[in-house]
Amino acid sequence: MKIKALVPVRSGSTRVPNKNIRPFADSTLLDIKIQQLLRVPSLDGIVVNSNDDEMLQMASKYDGVELAKRDEGFASNTVSMTDVFENMAENFPGDVVVYCAVTYPLFGPETIEKVIAEYLQRGVQHDSVAPVSRIKQFLYHEKKPLNFDPMKFPRSQDLPVIVALHWGAPVIARDLMIERKNPIGANPHLYELTETEALDVDTLFDFEVAEHLYRKNPPR
């Protein structure tokens, strides 16, 4: 059974232009993620999947990193993510996918190794591992309270446990990812992250905060 990391990167980021390869803490998010994954003992390989030749060229300088050129049709801002996930899994040369978005620079090698260990030790009731973080906020949906009664306002710590999914390193069998068209199974084990590990670079603000925290204390 070959366990490999799948690193998805594409051109066309809108909120933070070129965020995958723009300067970040004297490096780039792509370089940092590959370097982190090279320090994960359980991995049998790293596959960088991209439509962008520059990103693929950057990844090619690392020994052992495999490249998968993505068709431009699966890299647009309008294509369904289910189609993208299915396509990436179909072009993945391994048995188990560790899906590692580069936008989680604080999700380091030790945590990735722990997530993989959870997958290998899971019982029959869990078909994948999904990294998550708790949300303790008062939420509205379509102008209505989603997780609290405004007539009996609770303390924030007493809100129901709701978790957010993160793409730092969900783990799933390649065949199941193709079948489900996403990296999360029907009954995943939820692996809870710290607030720092869960920081996803989606906006320029996220980028600057993550860069500051990374410089201060790069993950092991």
N, C-alpha and C. Protein backbone atom coordinates (compact mmCIF):
# COMPACT_ATOMS: atom_id res chain seq x y z
N MET A 1 0.84 -1.20 0.00
CA MET A 1 0.00 0.00 0.00
C MET A 1 0.88 1.25 0.00
N LYS A 2 0.78 2.05 -1.04
CA LYS A 2 1.56 3.26 -1.16
C LYS A 2 0.76 4.47 -0.67
N ILE A 3 1.29 5.13 0.36
CA ILE A 3 0.68 6.35 0.91
C ILE A 3 1.46 7.54 0.38
N LYS A 4 0.77 8.40 -0.36
CA LYS A 4 1.45 9.56 -0.93
C LYS A 4 0.65 10.83 -0.66
N ALA A 5 1.37 11.93 -0.57
CA ALA A 5 0.73 13.23 -0.43
C ALA A 5 0.33 13.74 -1.81
N LEU A 6 -0.84 14.33 -1.87
CA LEU A 6 -1.31 15.00 -3.08
C LEU A 6 -1.33 16.50 -2.78
N VAL A 7 -0.51 17.25 -3.48
CA VAL A 7 -0.39 18.70 -3.28
C VAL A 7 -1.05 19.41 -4.46
N PRO A 8 -2.25 19.96 -4.27
CA PRO A 8 -2.94 20.62 -5.37
C PRO A 8 -2.62 22.12 -5.41
N VAL A 9 -2.12 22.59 -6.53
CA VAL A 9 -1.89 24.04 -6.71
C VAL A 9 -2.30 24.42 -8.13
N ARG A 10 -2.80 25.61 -8.27
CA ARG A 10 -3.21 26.07 -9.59
C ARG A 10 -2.94 27.56 -9.73
N SER A 11 -2.92 28.03 -10.94
CA SER A 11 -2.85 29.46 -11.19
C SER A 11 -4.27 30.02 -11.11
N GLY A 12 -4.37 31.32 -10.95
CA GLY A 12 -5.68 31.95 -10.99
C GLY A 12 -6.28 32.30 -9.65
N SER A 13 -5.49 32.30 -8.59
CA SER A 13 -6.01 32.72 -7.29
C SER A 13 -6.49 34.16 -7.37
N THR A 14 -7.69 34.42 -6.85
CA THR A 14 -8.28 35.75 -6.99
C THR A 14 -8.12 36.61 -5.74
N ARG A 15 -8.33 36.03 -4.55
CA ARG A 15 -8.25 36.84 -3.33
C ARG A 15 -6.82 37.26 -3.02
N VAL A 16 -5.88 36.34 -3.21
CA VAL A 16 -4.46 36.65 -3.01
C VAL A 16 -3.73 36.19 -4.28
N PRO A 17 -3.49 37.10 -5.22
CA PRO A 17 -2.87 36.72 -6.49
C PRO A 17 -1.56 35.94 -6.30
N ASN A 18 -1.45 34.83 -7.00
CA ASN A 18 -0.24 33.99 -6.98
C ASN A 18 0.15 33.56 -5.57
N LYS A 19 -0.85 33.34 -4.69
CA LYS A 19 -0.53 33.08 -3.29
C LYS A 19 0.33 31.82 -3.09
N ASN A 20 0.23 30.86 -4.00
CA ASN A 20 0.99 29.62 -3.82
C ASN A 20 2.48 29.82 -3.99
N ILE A 21 2.87 30.82 -4.79
CA ILE A 21 4.30 30.99 -5.10
C ILE A 21 4.79 32.41 -4.84
N ARG A 22 3.99 33.28 -4.28
CA ARG A 22 4.47 34.61 -3.94
C ARG A 22 5.35 34.51 -2.69
N PRO A 23 6.27 35.45 -2.48
CA PRO A 23 7.18 35.36 -1.34
C PRO A 23 6.44 35.22 0.00
N PHE A 24 6.86 34.25 0.78
CA PHE A 24 6.26 33.97 2.09
C PHE A 24 7.38 33.51 3.01
N ALA A 25 7.72 34.34 3.99
CA ALA A 25 8.75 34.00 4.99
C ALA A 25 10.04 33.51 4.33
N ASP A 26 10.51 34.27 3.36
CA ASP A 26 11.75 33.96 2.62
C ASP A 26 11.64 32.67 1.82
N SER A 27 10.44 32.26 1.51
CA SER A 27 10.21 31.07 0.72
C SER A 27 8.88 31.26 -0.01
N THR A 28 8.16 30.18 -0.28
CA THR A 28 6.80 30.24 -0.82
C THR A 28 5.97 29.17 -0.12
N LEU A 29 4.67 29.30 -0.20
CA LEU A 29 3.80 28.29 0.40
C LEU A 29 4.03 26.91 -0.23
N LEU A 30 4.25 26.88 -1.54
CA LEU A 30 4.49 25.61 -2.22
C LEU A 30 5.79 24.97 -1.74
N ASP A 31 6.86 25.73 -1.70
CA ASP A 31 8.14 25.20 -1.24
C ASP A 31 8.05 24.71 0.21
N ILE A 32 7.42 25.51 1.04
CA ILE A 32 7.30 25.14 2.46
C ILE A 32 6.55 23.84 2.62
N LYS A 33 5.46 23.67 1.88
CA LYS A 33 4.66 22.44 2.05
C LYS A 33 5.44 21.22 1.57
N ILE A 34 6.13 21.33 0.44
CA ILE A 34 6.92 20.20 -0.03
C ILE A 34 8.01 19.85 0.99
N GLN A 35 8.69 20.87 1.51
CA GLN A 35 9.74 20.63 2.50
C GLN A 35 9.18 19.98 3.76
N GLN A 36 7.98 20.38 4.16
CA GLN A 36 7.35 19.75 5.32
C GLN A 36 7.04 18.28 5.03
N LEU A 37 6.49 18.01 3.87
CA LEU A 37 6.09 16.65 3.53
C LEU A 37 7.29 15.72 3.39
N LEU A 38 8.42 16.25 2.99
CA LEU A 38 9.63 15.44 2.89
C LEU A 38 10.11 14.97 4.26
N ARG A 39 9.57 15.58 5.33
CA ARG A 39 9.95 15.19 6.69
C ARG A 39 8.88 14.31 7.36
N VAL A 40 7.92 13.82 6.58
CA VAL A 40 6.87 12.96 7.13
C VAL A 40 7.25 11.50 6.86
N PRO A 41 7.61 10.73 7.89
CA PRO A 41 8.14 9.37 7.68
C PRO A 41 7.18 8.41 6.99
N SER A 42 5.88 8.55 7.22
CA SER A 42 4.92 7.57 6.69
C SER A 42 4.65 7.72 5.20
N LEU A 43 5.09 8.80 4.61
CA LEU A 43 4.79 9.03 3.20
C LEU A 43 5.74 8.25 2.29
N ASP A 44 5.16 7.66 1.25
CA ASP A 44 5.94 6.95 0.23
C ASP A 44 6.21 7.82 -0.99
N GLY A 45 5.71 9.04 -0.98
CA GLY A 45 5.94 9.92 -2.11
C GLY A 45 5.11 11.19 -2.01
N ILE A 46 5.40 12.12 -2.89
CA ILE A 46 4.69 13.40 -2.95
C ILE A 46 4.34 13.65 -4.41
N VAL A 47 3.07 13.97 -4.67
CA VAL A 47 2.59 14.25 -6.02
C VAL A 47 2.07 15.68 -6.07
N VAL A 48 2.67 16.53 -6.88
CA VAL A 48 2.19 17.90 -7.06
C VAL A 48 1.34 17.93 -8.32
N ASN A 49 0.09 18.34 -8.15
CA ASN A 49 -0.88 18.37 -9.25
C ASN A 49 -1.19 19.82 -9.58
N SER A 50 -0.89 20.24 -10.81
CA SER A 50 -1.09 21.65 -11.17
C SER A 50 -1.29 21.82 -12.66
N ASN A 51 -1.98 22.88 -13.01
CA ASN A 51 -2.09 23.31 -14.41
C ASN A 51 -0.97 24.26 -14.80
N ASP A 52 -0.20 24.70 -13.79
CA ASP A 52 0.74 25.80 -13.97
C ASP A 52 2.17 25.26 -14.15
N ASP A 53 2.79 25.54 -15.28
CA ASP A 53 4.13 25.03 -15.57
C ASP A 53 5.17 25.59 -14.61
N GLU A 54 5.01 26.83 -14.18
CA GLU A 54 5.98 27.42 -13.26
C GLU A 54 5.95 26.69 -11.92
N MET A 55 4.76 26.38 -11.44
CA MET A 55 4.64 25.67 -10.16
C MET A 55 5.20 24.25 -10.29
N LEU A 56 4.93 23.60 -11.40
CA LEU A 56 5.46 22.26 -11.61
C LEU A 56 6.98 22.29 -11.70
N GLN A 57 7.52 23.32 -12.33
CA GLN A 57 8.97 23.46 -12.43
C GLN A 57 9.58 23.66 -11.05
N MET A 58 8.93 24.47 -10.22
CA MET A 58 9.42 24.68 -8.85
C MET A 58 9.43 23.37 -8.07
N ALA A 59 8.37 22.57 -8.24
CA ALA A 59 8.28 21.31 -7.51
C ALA A 59 9.29 20.30 -8.01
N SER A 60 9.68 20.40 -9.28
CA SER A 60 10.56 19.40 -9.88
C SER A 60 11.98 19.44 -9.32
N LYS A 61 12.33 20.51 -8.63
CA LYS A 61 13.70 20.61 -8.11
C LYS A 61 13.90 19.72 -6.89
N TYR A 62 12.81 19.17 -6.34
CA TYR A 62 12.92 18.30 -5.17
C TYR A 62 12.98 16.83 -5.61
N ASP A 63 14.00 16.13 -5.16
CA ASP A 63 14.16 14.73 -5.53
C ASP A 63 12.96 13.91 -5.06
N GLY A 64 12.46 13.09 -5.98
CA GLY A 64 11.39 12.18 -5.61
C GLY A 64 9.99 12.74 -5.75
N VAL A 65 9.85 14.03 -5.96
CA VAL A 65 8.52 14.62 -6.13
C VAL A 65 8.01 14.30 -7.53
N GLU A 66 6.79 13.75 -7.60
CA GLU A 66 6.17 13.41 -8.88
C GLU A 66 5.27 14.56 -9.33
N LEU A 67 5.16 14.72 -10.63
CA LEU A 67 4.37 15.82 -11.19
C LEU A 67 3.18 15.27 -11.95
N ALA A 68 2.02 15.91 -11.78
CA ALA A 68 0.81 15.56 -12.52
C ALA A 68 0.27 16.84 -13.15
N LYS A 69 0.34 16.94 -14.48
CA LYS A 69 -0.14 18.14 -15.17
C LYS A 69 -1.66 18.09 -15.27
N ARG A 70 -2.31 19.10 -14.70
CA ARG A 70 -3.77 19.17 -14.71
C ARG A 70 -4.26 19.91 -15.95
N ASP A 71 -5.28 19.38 -16.58
CA ASP A 71 -5.89 20.05 -17.73
C ASP A 71 -6.50 21.37 -17.28
N GLU A 72 -6.39 22.39 -18.12
CA GLU A 72 -6.90 23.72 -17.77
C GLU A 72 -8.40 23.69 -17.44
N GLY A 73 -9.11 22.74 -18.02
CA GLY A 73 -10.54 22.65 -17.72
C GLY A 73 -10.83 22.31 -16.29
N PHE A 74 -9.85 21.72 -15.59
CA PHE A 74 -10.03 21.37 -14.18
C PHE A 74 -9.31 22.36 -13.26
N ALA A 75 -9.01 23.55 -13.79
CA ALA A 75 -8.32 24.56 -13.00
C ALA A 75 -9.01 25.92 -13.08
N SER A 76 -10.20 25.96 -13.64
CA SER A 76 -10.91 27.23 -13.79
C SER A 76 -11.62 27.59 -12.48
N ASN A 77 -12.17 28.79 -12.45
CA ASN A 77 -12.93 29.23 -11.28
C ASN A 77 -14.39 28.80 -11.35
N THR A 78 -14.77 28.10 -12.41
CA THR A 78 -16.18 27.72 -12.57
C THR A 78 -16.40 26.21 -12.51
N VAL A 79 -15.35 25.43 -12.64
CA VAL A 79 -15.50 23.97 -12.64
C VAL A 79 -15.94 23.48 -11.26
N SER A 80 -16.76 22.45 -11.22
CA SER A 80 -17.21 21.86 -9.97
C SER A 80 -16.04 21.20 -9.25
N MET A 81 -15.95 21.43 -7.93
CA MET A 81 -14.86 20.82 -7.17
C MET A 81 -14.98 19.30 -7.13
N THR A 82 -16.19 18.77 -7.22
CA THR A 82 -16.32 17.31 -7.26
C THR A 82 -15.63 16.75 -8.50
N ASP A 83 -15.75 17.45 -9.62
CA ASP A 83 -15.07 17.03 -10.84
C ASP A 83 -13.56 17.14 -10.70
N VAL A 84 -13.11 18.20 -10.02
CA VAL A 84 -11.67 18.41 -9.82
C VAL A 84 -11.11 17.30 -8.93
N PHE A 85 -11.79 17.02 -7.82
CA PHE A 85 -11.32 15.97 -6.91
C PHE A 85 -11.24 14.62 -7.62
N GLU A 86 -12.27 14.30 -8.39
CA GLU A 86 -12.29 13.03 -9.10
C GLU A 86 -11.13 12.96 -10.09
N ASN A 87 -10.90 14.03 -10.83
CA ASN A 87 -9.83 14.06 -11.82
C ASN A 87 -8.46 13.90 -11.16
N MET A 88 -8.24 14.59 -10.06
CA MET A 88 -6.95 14.49 -9.38
C MET A 88 -6.72 13.08 -8.86
N ALA A 89 -7.76 12.45 -8.31
CA ALA A 89 -7.63 11.09 -7.79
C ALA A 89 -7.35 10.11 -8.93
N GLU A 90 -8.01 10.31 -10.05
CA GLU A 90 -7.79 9.41 -11.20
C GLU A 90 -6.36 9.48 -11.71
N ASN A 91 -5.72 10.62 -11.52
CA ASN A 91 -4.35 10.82 -11.99
C ASN A 91 -3.33 10.74 -10.85
N PHE A 92 -3.71 10.05 -9.78
CA PHE A 92 -2.85 9.95 -8.61
C PHE A 92 -2.18 8.58 -8.57
N PRO A 93 -0.85 8.50 -8.59
CA PRO A 93 -0.13 7.23 -8.63
C PRO A 93 0.14 6.66 -7.25
N GLY A 94 -0.91 6.31 -6.53
CA GLY A 94 -0.75 5.75 -5.20
C GLY A 94 -2.04 5.10 -4.74
N ASP A 95 -2.02 4.49 -3.56
CA ASP A 95 -3.19 3.79 -3.02
C ASP A 95 -3.96 4.62 -2.01
N VAL A 96 -3.24 5.43 -1.22
CA VAL A 96 -3.86 6.26 -0.19
C VAL A 96 -3.45 7.70 -0.43
N VAL A 97 -4.44 8.59 -0.43
CA VAL A 97 -4.22 10.02 -0.68
C VAL A 97 -4.17 10.79 0.63
N VAL A 98 -3.10 11.53 0.83
CA VAL A 98 -3.03 12.52 1.91
C VAL A 98 -3.10 13.87 1.22
N TYR A 99 -4.28 14.49 1.27
CA TYR A 99 -4.56 15.70 0.48
C TYR A 99 -4.03 16.92 1.23
N CYS A 100 -2.97 17.53 0.73
CA CYS A 100 -2.26 18.58 1.48
C CYS A 100 -2.27 19.91 0.73
N ALA A 101 -3.20 20.77 1.08
CA ALA A 101 -3.22 22.11 0.50
C ALA A 101 -2.06 22.93 1.04
N VAL A 102 -1.41 23.68 0.17
CA VAL A 102 -0.25 24.47 0.59
C VAL A 102 -0.65 25.66 1.44
N THR A 103 -1.93 25.97 1.49
CA THR A 103 -2.41 27.15 2.22
C THR A 103 -2.49 26.91 3.73
N TYR A 104 -1.93 25.78 4.20
CA TYR A 104 -1.86 25.49 5.64
C TYR A 104 -0.39 25.38 6.06
N PRO A 105 0.36 26.49 6.06
CA PRO A 105 1.78 26.41 6.39
C PRO A 105 2.06 26.06 7.84
N LEU A 106 1.06 26.22 8.72
CA LEU A 106 1.24 25.93 10.14
C LEU A 106 0.77 24.53 10.49
N PHE A 107 0.34 23.79 9.49
CA PHE A 107 -0.06 22.38 9.63
C PHE A 107 1.19 21.57 9.27
N GLY A 108 2.02 21.28 10.28
CA GLY A 108 3.34 20.79 10.03
C GLY A 108 3.50 19.29 9.97
N PRO A 109 4.75 18.82 9.78
CA PRO A 109 5.03 17.39 9.59
C PRO A 109 4.56 16.51 10.73
N GLU A 110 4.74 16.94 11.98
CA GLU A 110 4.34 16.10 13.11
C GLU A 110 2.84 15.85 13.10
N THR A 111 2.06 16.89 12.81
CA THR A 111 0.60 16.72 12.78
C THR A 111 0.17 15.88 11.59
N ILE A 112 0.79 16.08 10.44
CA ILE A 112 0.47 15.25 9.28
C ILE A 112 0.74 13.78 9.58
N GLU A 113 1.87 13.51 10.23
CA GLU A 113 2.19 12.13 10.61
C GLU A 113 1.14 11.55 11.56
N LYS A 114 0.65 12.35 12.48
CA LYS A 114 -0.38 11.89 13.42
C LYS A 114 -1.69 11.60 12.70
N VAL A 115 -2.04 12.42 11.73
CA VAL A 115 -3.27 12.20 10.97
C VAL A 115 -3.17 10.89 10.18
N ILE A 116 -2.02 10.65 9.57
CA ILE A 116 -1.83 9.39 8.85
C ILE A 116 -1.92 8.20 9.80
N ALA A 117 -1.34 8.33 10.99
CA ALA A 117 -1.40 7.26 11.98
C ALA A 117 -2.84 6.97 12.38
N GLU A 118 -3.65 8.01 12.51
CA GLU A 118 -5.07 7.82 12.83
C GLU A 118 -5.75 7.01 11.73
N TYR A 119 -5.40 7.30 10.49
CA TYR A 119 -5.99 6.56 9.37
C TYR A 119 -5.59 5.08 9.42
N LEU A 120 -4.32 4.82 9.68
CA LEU A 120 -3.83 3.45 9.70
C LEU A 120 -4.39 2.65 10.89
N GLN A 121 -4.73 3.35 11.97
CA GLN A 121 -5.23 2.70 13.17
C GLN A 121 -6.75 2.72 13.29
N ARG A 122 -7.42 3.31 12.31
CA ARG A 122 -8.86 3.50 12.42
C ARG A 122 -9.58 2.15 12.45
N GLY A 123 -10.75 2.15 13.06
CA GLY A 123 -11.56 0.95 13.04
C GLY A 123 -12.36 0.86 11.76
N VAL A 124 -13.12 -0.20 11.64
CA VAL A 124 -13.90 -0.41 10.41
C VAL A 124 -14.99 0.65 10.26
N GLN A 125 -15.32 1.35 11.34
CA GLN A 125 -16.40 2.33 11.26
C GLN A 125 -15.97 3.63 10.59
N HIS A 126 -14.66 3.83 10.40
CA HIS A 126 -14.17 5.06 9.79
C HIS A 126 -13.46 4.74 8.48
N ASP A 127 -13.86 5.44 7.41
CA ASP A 127 -13.27 5.18 6.10
C ASP A 127 -12.27 6.24 5.66
N SER A 128 -12.04 7.24 6.52
CA SER A 128 -11.13 8.32 6.18
C SER A 128 -10.86 9.12 7.46
N VAL A 129 -9.93 10.06 7.36
CA VAL A 129 -9.66 10.98 8.47
C VAL A 129 -9.82 12.41 7.95
N ALA A 130 -10.57 13.22 8.68
CA ALA A 130 -10.82 14.60 8.26
C ALA A 130 -10.36 15.57 9.35
N PRO A 131 -9.38 16.42 9.07
CA PRO A 131 -8.96 17.43 10.04
C PRO A 131 -10.06 18.50 10.20
N VAL A 132 -10.35 18.85 11.44
CA VAL A 132 -11.40 19.82 11.71
C VAL A 132 -10.98 20.75 12.84
N SER A 133 -11.70 21.85 12.98
CA SER A 133 -11.52 22.75 14.13
C SER A 133 -12.88 23.19 14.62
N ARG A 134 -12.97 23.44 15.91
CA ARG A 134 -14.24 23.83 16.51
C ARG A 134 -14.59 25.28 16.18
N ILE A 135 -15.88 25.52 16.00
CA ILE A 135 -16.38 26.88 15.80
C ILE A 135 -17.24 27.24 17.01
N LYS A 136 -16.81 28.25 17.74
CA LYS A 136 -17.58 28.73 18.88
C LYS A 136 -17.99 30.18 18.61
N GLN A 137 -18.93 30.33 17.68
CA GLN A 137 -19.42 31.64 17.30
C GLN A 137 -20.93 31.58 17.15
N PHE A 138 -21.57 32.72 17.28
CA PHE A 138 -23.02 32.80 17.12
C PHE A 138 -23.31 32.96 15.63
N LEU A 139 -23.92 31.95 15.04
CA LEU A 139 -24.06 31.88 13.60
C LEU A 139 -25.50 32.13 13.15
N TYR A 140 -25.62 32.84 12.03
CA TYR A 140 -26.92 33.06 11.39
C TYR A 140 -26.88 32.46 9.99
N HIS A 141 -28.03 31.96 9.55
CA HIS A 141 -28.18 31.48 8.18
C HIS A 141 -29.52 31.96 7.65
N GLU A 142 -29.47 32.72 6.54
CA GLU A 142 -30.68 33.31 5.96
C GLU A 142 -31.48 34.10 7.00
N LYS A 143 -30.72 34.92 7.76
CA LYS A 143 -31.27 35.86 8.75
C LYS A 143 -31.90 35.16 9.96
N LYS A 144 -31.61 33.88 10.14
CA LYS A 144 -32.14 33.15 11.28
C LYS A 144 -30.99 32.54 12.07
N PRO A 145 -31.11 32.51 13.42
CA PRO A 145 -30.05 31.90 14.24
C PRO A 145 -29.86 30.44 13.86
N LEU A 146 -28.63 30.03 13.72
CA LEU A 146 -28.33 28.67 13.28
C LEU A 146 -28.02 27.75 14.45
N ASN A 147 -27.35 28.26 15.47
CA ASN A 147 -26.87 27.38 16.54
C ASN A 147 -27.18 27.90 17.95
N PHE A 148 -28.16 28.80 18.08
CA PHE A 148 -28.51 29.29 19.41
C PHE A 148 -29.93 29.87 19.39
N ASP A 149 -30.49 30.00 20.58
CA ASP A 149 -31.82 30.59 20.76
C ASP A 149 -31.63 32.02 21.26
N PRO A 150 -31.96 33.04 20.48
CA PRO A 150 -31.73 34.42 20.90
C PRO A 150 -32.58 34.83 22.11
N MET A 151 -33.63 34.05 22.41
CA MET A 151 -34.45 34.34 23.59
C MET A 151 -33.86 33.73 24.86
N LYS A 152 -32.88 32.84 24.68
CA LYS A 152 -32.18 32.22 25.81
C LYS A 152 -30.69 32.21 25.48
N PHE A 153 -30.14 33.40 25.41
CA PHE A 153 -28.78 33.55 24.91
C PHE A 153 -27.78 32.78 25.78
N PRO A 154 -27.06 31.83 25.18
CA PRO A 154 -26.08 31.06 25.95
C PRO A 154 -24.73 31.76 26.02
N ARG A 155 -23.87 31.26 26.89
CA ARG A 155 -22.47 31.68 26.85
C ARG A 155 -21.83 31.02 25.62
N SER A 156 -20.82 31.66 25.08
CA SER A 156 -20.21 31.12 23.86
C SER A 156 -19.65 29.72 24.09
N GLN A 157 -19.11 29.45 25.30
CA GLN A 157 -18.56 28.13 25.56
C GLN A 157 -19.63 27.05 25.65
N ASP A 158 -20.91 27.47 25.77
CA ASP A 158 -22.01 26.51 25.87
C ASP A 158 -22.71 26.26 24.53
N LEU A 159 -22.20 26.88 23.47
CA LEU A 159 -22.76 26.63 22.15
C LEU A 159 -22.55 25.17 21.76
N PRO A 160 -23.41 24.61 20.92
CA PRO A 160 -23.22 23.23 20.48
C PRO A 160 -21.91 23.09 19.69
N VAL A 161 -21.36 21.89 19.74
CA VAL A 161 -20.09 21.64 19.07
C VAL A 161 -20.32 21.54 17.55
N ILE A 162 -19.82 22.52 16.84
CA ILE A 162 -19.83 22.53 15.37
C ILE A 162 -18.39 22.62 14.92
N VAL A 163 -18.02 21.82 13.94
CA VAL A 163 -16.63 21.84 13.49
C VAL A 163 -16.55 22.21 12.02
N ALA A 164 -15.44 22.83 11.67
CA ALA A 164 -15.17 23.22 10.28
C ALA A 164 -14.14 22.26 9.69
N LEU A 165 -14.37 21.86 8.46
CA LEU A 165 -13.46 20.96 7.76
C LEU A 165 -12.26 21.73 7.22
N HIS A 166 -11.09 21.09 7.27
CA HIS A 166 -9.87 21.72 6.76
C HIS A 166 -9.16 20.78 5.79
N TRP A 167 -8.47 21.40 4.81
CA TRP A 167 -7.80 20.65 3.76
C TRP A 167 -6.31 20.51 4.02
N GLY A 168 -5.93 20.57 5.29
CA GLY A 168 -4.51 20.44 5.64
C GLY A 168 -3.96 19.07 5.34
N ALA A 169 -4.72 18.01 5.63
CA ALA A 169 -4.24 16.66 5.33
C ALA A 169 -5.32 15.61 5.56
N PRO A 170 -6.51 15.74 4.96
CA PRO A 170 -7.44 14.61 5.03
C PRO A 170 -6.82 13.39 4.35
N VAL A 171 -7.16 12.20 4.85
CA VAL A 171 -6.57 10.97 4.34
C VAL A 171 -7.69 10.03 3.90
N ILE A 172 -7.55 9.48 2.70
CA ILE A 172 -8.59 8.62 2.14
C ILE A 172 -7.97 7.69 1.09
N ALA A 173 -8.55 6.53 0.90
CA ALA A 173 -8.09 5.64 -0.17
C ALA A 173 -8.39 6.29 -1.53
N ARG A 174 -7.46 6.13 -2.46
CA ARG A 174 -7.62 6.72 -3.79
C ARG A 174 -8.93 6.27 -4.44
N ASP A 175 -9.24 4.97 -4.40
CA ASP A 175 -10.44 4.46 -5.05
C ASP A 175 -11.71 5.06 -4.44
N LEU A 176 -11.68 5.27 -3.12
CA LEU A 176 -12.85 5.87 -2.46
C LEU A 176 -12.97 7.35 -2.82
N MET A 177 -11.85 8.02 -2.98
CA MET A 177 -11.89 9.43 -3.40
C MET A 177 -12.49 9.54 -4.79
N ILE A 178 -12.16 8.61 -5.67
CA ILE A 178 -12.76 8.62 -7.01
C ILE A 178 -14.26 8.36 -6.91
N GLU A 179 -14.64 7.40 -6.09
CA GLU A 179 -16.05 7.05 -5.95
C GLU A 179 -16.87 8.19 -5.38
N ARG A 180 -16.34 8.85 -4.35
CA ARG A 180 -17.09 9.92 -3.66
C ARG A 180 -16.83 11.30 -4.28
N LYS A 181 -15.79 11.40 -5.11
CA LYS A 181 -15.43 12.66 -5.76
C LYS A 181 -15.07 13.75 -4.77
N ASN A 182 -14.43 13.34 -3.67
CA ASN A 182 -13.88 14.29 -2.71
C ASN A 182 -12.99 13.53 -1.73
N PRO A 183 -12.16 14.23 -0.97
CA PRO A 183 -11.20 13.54 -0.09
C PRO A 183 -11.77 13.12 1.27
N ILE A 184 -13.08 13.19 1.43
CA ILE A 184 -13.71 12.83 2.70
C ILE A 184 -14.66 11.67 2.49
N GLY A 185 -14.54 10.64 3.32
CA GLY A 185 -15.40 9.48 3.19
C GLY A 185 -16.79 9.70 3.75
N ALA A 186 -17.59 8.65 3.74
CA ALA A 186 -18.96 8.74 4.23
C ALA A 186 -19.01 8.82 5.75
N ASN A 187 -17.99 8.26 6.41
CA ASN A 187 -17.96 8.26 7.87
C ASN A 187 -16.54 8.50 8.35
N PRO A 188 -16.07 9.73 8.26
CA PRO A 188 -14.68 10.02 8.60
C PRO A 188 -14.46 10.09 10.11
N HIS A 189 -13.23 9.80 10.51
CA HIS A 189 -12.80 10.12 11.87
C HIS A 189 -12.41 11.60 11.86
N LEU A 190 -12.94 12.37 12.80
CA LEU A 190 -12.67 13.80 12.84
C LEU A 190 -11.46 14.06 13.75
N TYR A 191 -10.40 14.56 13.15
CA TYR A 191 -9.17 14.84 13.89
C TYR A 191 -9.13 16.34 14.19
N GLU A 192 -9.17 16.69 15.47
CA GLU A 192 -9.30 18.10 15.85
C GLU A 192 -7.93 18.80 15.86
N LEU A 193 -7.87 19.95 15.19
CA LEU A 193 -6.66 20.74 15.08
C LEU A 193 -6.65 21.86 16.11
N THR A 194 -5.47 22.39 16.38
CA THR A 194 -5.36 23.60 17.17
C THR A 194 -5.76 24.79 16.28
N GLU A 195 -5.99 25.90 16.90
CA GLU A 195 -6.37 27.10 16.14
C GLU A 195 -5.27 27.50 15.17
N THR A 196 -4.03 27.34 15.59
CA THR A 196 -2.91 27.69 14.72
C THR A 196 -2.80 26.75 13.53
N GLU A 197 -2.89 25.45 13.78
CA GLU A 197 -2.80 24.48 12.70
C GLU A 197 -3.89 24.67 11.66
N ALA A 198 -5.05 25.14 12.12
CA ALA A 198 -6.22 25.27 11.25
C ALA A 198 -6.22 26.55 10.41
N LEU A 199 -5.22 27.40 10.60
CA LEU A 199 -5.19 28.67 9.86
C LEU A 199 -4.99 28.41 8.37
N ASP A 200 -5.98 28.79 7.59
CA ASP A 200 -5.97 28.59 6.13
C ASP A 200 -5.78 29.93 5.44
N VAL A 201 -4.80 30.02 4.57
CA VAL A 201 -4.52 31.27 3.87
C VAL A 201 -5.52 31.43 2.73
N ASP A 202 -6.52 32.25 2.96
CA ASP A 202 -7.56 32.48 1.95
C ASP A 202 -7.62 33.94 1.52
N THR A 203 -7.22 34.84 2.41
CA THR A 203 -7.24 36.27 2.13
C THR A 203 -5.85 36.85 2.40
N LEU A 204 -5.65 38.11 2.01
CA LEU A 204 -4.37 38.77 2.27
C LEU A 204 -4.13 38.88 3.77
N PHE A 205 -5.19 39.11 4.53
CA PHE A 205 -5.05 39.16 5.99
C PHE A 205 -4.54 37.82 6.52
N ASP A 206 -5.15 36.72 6.06
CA ASP A 206 -4.69 35.39 6.46
C ASP A 206 -3.22 35.19 6.10
N PHE A 207 -2.85 35.64 4.91
CA PHE A 207 -1.48 35.49 4.42
C PHE A 207 -0.50 36.17 5.38
N GLU A 208 -0.82 37.40 5.77
CA GLU A 208 0.08 38.16 6.63
C GLU A 208 0.14 37.59 8.03
N VAL A 209 -1.00 37.15 8.56
CA VAL A 209 -1.02 36.54 9.90
C VAL A 209 -0.24 35.23 9.89
N ALA A 210 -0.47 34.39 8.88
CA ALA A 210 0.22 33.11 8.80
C ALA A 210 1.73 33.32 8.66
N GLU A 211 2.13 34.29 7.86
CA GLU A 211 3.55 34.56 7.68
C GLU A 211 4.19 34.99 9.00
N HIS A 212 3.50 35.84 9.74
CA HIS A 212 4.02 36.29 11.04
C HIS A 212 4.17 35.11 12.00
N LEU A 213 3.14 34.27 12.09
CA LEU A 213 3.19 33.13 13.00
C LEU A 213 4.22 32.11 12.56
N TYR A 214 4.36 31.92 11.26
CA TYR A 214 5.35 30.97 10.75
C TYR A 214 6.77 31.44 11.08
N ARG A 215 7.03 32.72 10.88
CA ARG A 215 8.35 33.24 11.20
C ARG A 215 8.65 33.10 12.70
N LYS A 216 7.64 33.32 13.50
CA LYS A 216 7.79 33.27 14.95
C LYS A 216 8.05 31.85 15.45
N ASN A 217 7.31 30.90 14.88
CA ASN A 217 7.41 29.53 15.38
C ASN A 217 7.05 28.54 14.27
N PRO A 218 7.97 28.26 13.35
CA PRO A 218 7.66 27.32 12.26
C PRO A 218 7.35 25.93 12.84
N PRO A 219 6.32 25.26 12.32
CA PRO A 219 5.92 23.95 12.87
C PRO A 219 6.97 22.90 12.63
N ARG A 220 7.03 21.94 13.55
CA ARG A 220 7.95 20.82 13.41
C ARG A 220 7.28 19.67 12.70
